[in-house]
Every structure is written in C-alpha cells, then in structure tokens.
Amino acid sequence: MAKKKWSSATAEPSVQDKPATLKDLLRPDIVAGLKAQADAMKAEEQARKDAARAEAEAARKAEEKRLENDFGHLLEKSKLDWRKHK
C-alpha cells in the first residue's frame, strides 16, 4: 500500500476563498459613518461616567464636611487614650 502525501498548499485557504465580511459588503462612506457614530457613543458614555463619578465625589465631600461639624460623630470617632496628649 502506498502512502498518500499531504500537500500543505491545499490545507491553507487562499485570500480569495475567505468569506466576505459585512465591512467588505458595505460602502466605505457607510462604514465611516458607523465608526463615527460608535466613537460618539463611546465619548458620550465616558462623559456620563465622569459626571456620575464627579457627583459621587461631591456627595462624599459634602457628607464628610457635615460629619466634621457634628460633635457626636467626632466624639465617637476620637480615641479615648488621652495619655498621648499629656
């Protein structure tokens, strides 16, 4: 029995044999418009996240300032070891 030799050229698909993608099927101006829309949506999402982060930071600072003026909170927070301050 003779052994079959496998050719590496038939195992690799050529560039023309690859299936067409959606990007290949659409016109370049439509692809550019979709990319611009995606970039705008990403920028909007980032701006929304930054605004939420800034709002949370402002709320945290306001709460911290309110607690600094609350004598009960400061008394609970302070350490009762007065020997250090002699």
Protein backbone atom coordinates (compact mmCIF):
# COMPACT_ATOMS: atom_id res chain seq x y z
CA MET A 1 0.00 0.00 0.00
CA ALA A 2 1.27 3.37 -0.96
CA LYS A 3 1.12 6.27 1.48
CA LYS A 4 -0.57 9.44 0.39
CA LYS A 5 1.44 12.61 0.62
CA TRP A 6 -0.44 15.57 2.02
CA SER A 7 0.24 18.85 0.35
CA SER A 8 0.47 21.87 2.61
CA ALA A 9 -0.71 24.13 -0.22
CA THR A 10 -4.19 22.60 -0.24
CA ALA A 11 -4.54 22.84 3.55
CA GLU A 12 -4.12 26.63 3.63
CA PRO A 13 -7.06 28.61 2.22
CA SER A 14 -6.12 31.39 -0.14
CA VAL A 15 -7.15 35.01 0.28
CA GLN A 16 -9.89 34.73 -2.36
CA ASP A 17 -11.51 31.72 -0.63
CA LYS A 18 -12.28 33.64 2.58
CA PRO A 19 -15.95 34.61 3.03
CA ALA A 20 -16.88 38.24 2.57
CA THR A 21 -17.43 40.23 5.77
CA LEU A 22 -20.03 42.89 6.37
CA LYS A 23 -17.32 45.55 6.14
CA ASP A 24 -16.43 44.30 2.66
CA LEU A 25 -20.06 44.37 1.55
CA LEU A 26 -20.87 47.90 2.77
CA ARG A 27 -19.83 51.10 1.05
CA PRO A 28 -16.84 52.89 2.64
CA ASP A 29 -18.89 56.01 3.45
CA ILE A 30 -21.41 53.94 5.40
CA VAL A 31 -18.60 52.18 7.30
CA ALA A 32 -17.03 55.55 8.13
CA GLY A 33 -20.39 56.89 9.34
CA LEU A 34 -20.92 53.86 11.57
CA LYS A 35 -17.43 54.22 13.03
CA ALA A 36 -18.06 57.91 13.74
CA GLN A 37 -21.36 57.05 15.42
CA ALA A 38 -19.66 54.38 17.55
CA ASP A 39 -16.95 56.85 18.60
CA ALA A 40 -19.59 59.44 19.51
CA MET A 41 -21.47 56.88 21.60
CA LYS A 42 -18.26 55.87 23.41
CA ALA A 43 -17.44 59.52 24.15
CA GLU A 44 -20.98 60.10 25.46
CA GLU A 45 -20.73 57.04 27.71
CA GLN A 46 -17.37 58.22 29.05
CA ALA A 47 -18.77 61.70 29.75
CA ARG A 48 -21.73 60.17 31.58
CA LYS A 49 -19.41 58.02 33.71
CA ASP A 50 -17.22 61.04 34.52
CA ALA A 51 -20.27 63.07 35.54
CA ALA A 52 -21.51 60.26 37.80
CA ARG A 53 -18.05 59.93 39.36
CA ALA A 54 -17.84 63.70 39.99
CA GLU A 55 -21.34 63.72 41.52
CA ALA A 56 -20.43 60.84 43.86
CA GLU A 57 -17.22 62.62 44.86
CA ALA A 58 -19.14 65.84 45.62
CA ALA A 59 -21.68 63.91 47.70
CA ARG A 60 -18.89 62.20 49.63
CA LYS A 61 -17.16 65.51 50.35
CA ALA A 62 -20.43 67.12 51.46
CA GLU A 63 -21.13 64.22 53.84
CA GLU A 64 -17.59 64.42 55.20
CA LYS A 65 -17.94 68.17 55.80
CA ARG A 66 -21.29 67.65 57.53
CA LEU A 67 -19.79 64.99 59.82
CA GLU A 68 -16.84 67.24 60.69
CA ASN A 69 -19.28 69.71 62.24
CA ASP A 70 -21.21 67.01 64.13
CA PHE A 71 -19.85 66.86 67.69
CA GLY A 72 -21.39 63.43 68.39
CA HIS A 73 -19.68 61.90 65.41
CA LEU A 74 -16.34 63.47 66.32
CA LEU A 75 -16.65 62.21 69.88
CA GLU A 76 -17.37 58.65 68.68
CA LYS A 77 -14.52 58.82 66.20
CA SER A 78 -11.91 60.17 68.61
CA LYS A 79 -9.65 57.83 70.52
CA LEU A 80 -10.05 57.83 74.26
CA ASP A 81 -6.35 57.40 75.00
CA TRP A 82 -5.56 60.82 76.43
CA ARG A 83 -2.09 59.78 77.70
CA LYS A 84 -0.60 60.55 74.30
CA HIS A 85 -1.63 64.20 74.58
CA LYS A 86 -0.08 64.95 78.04
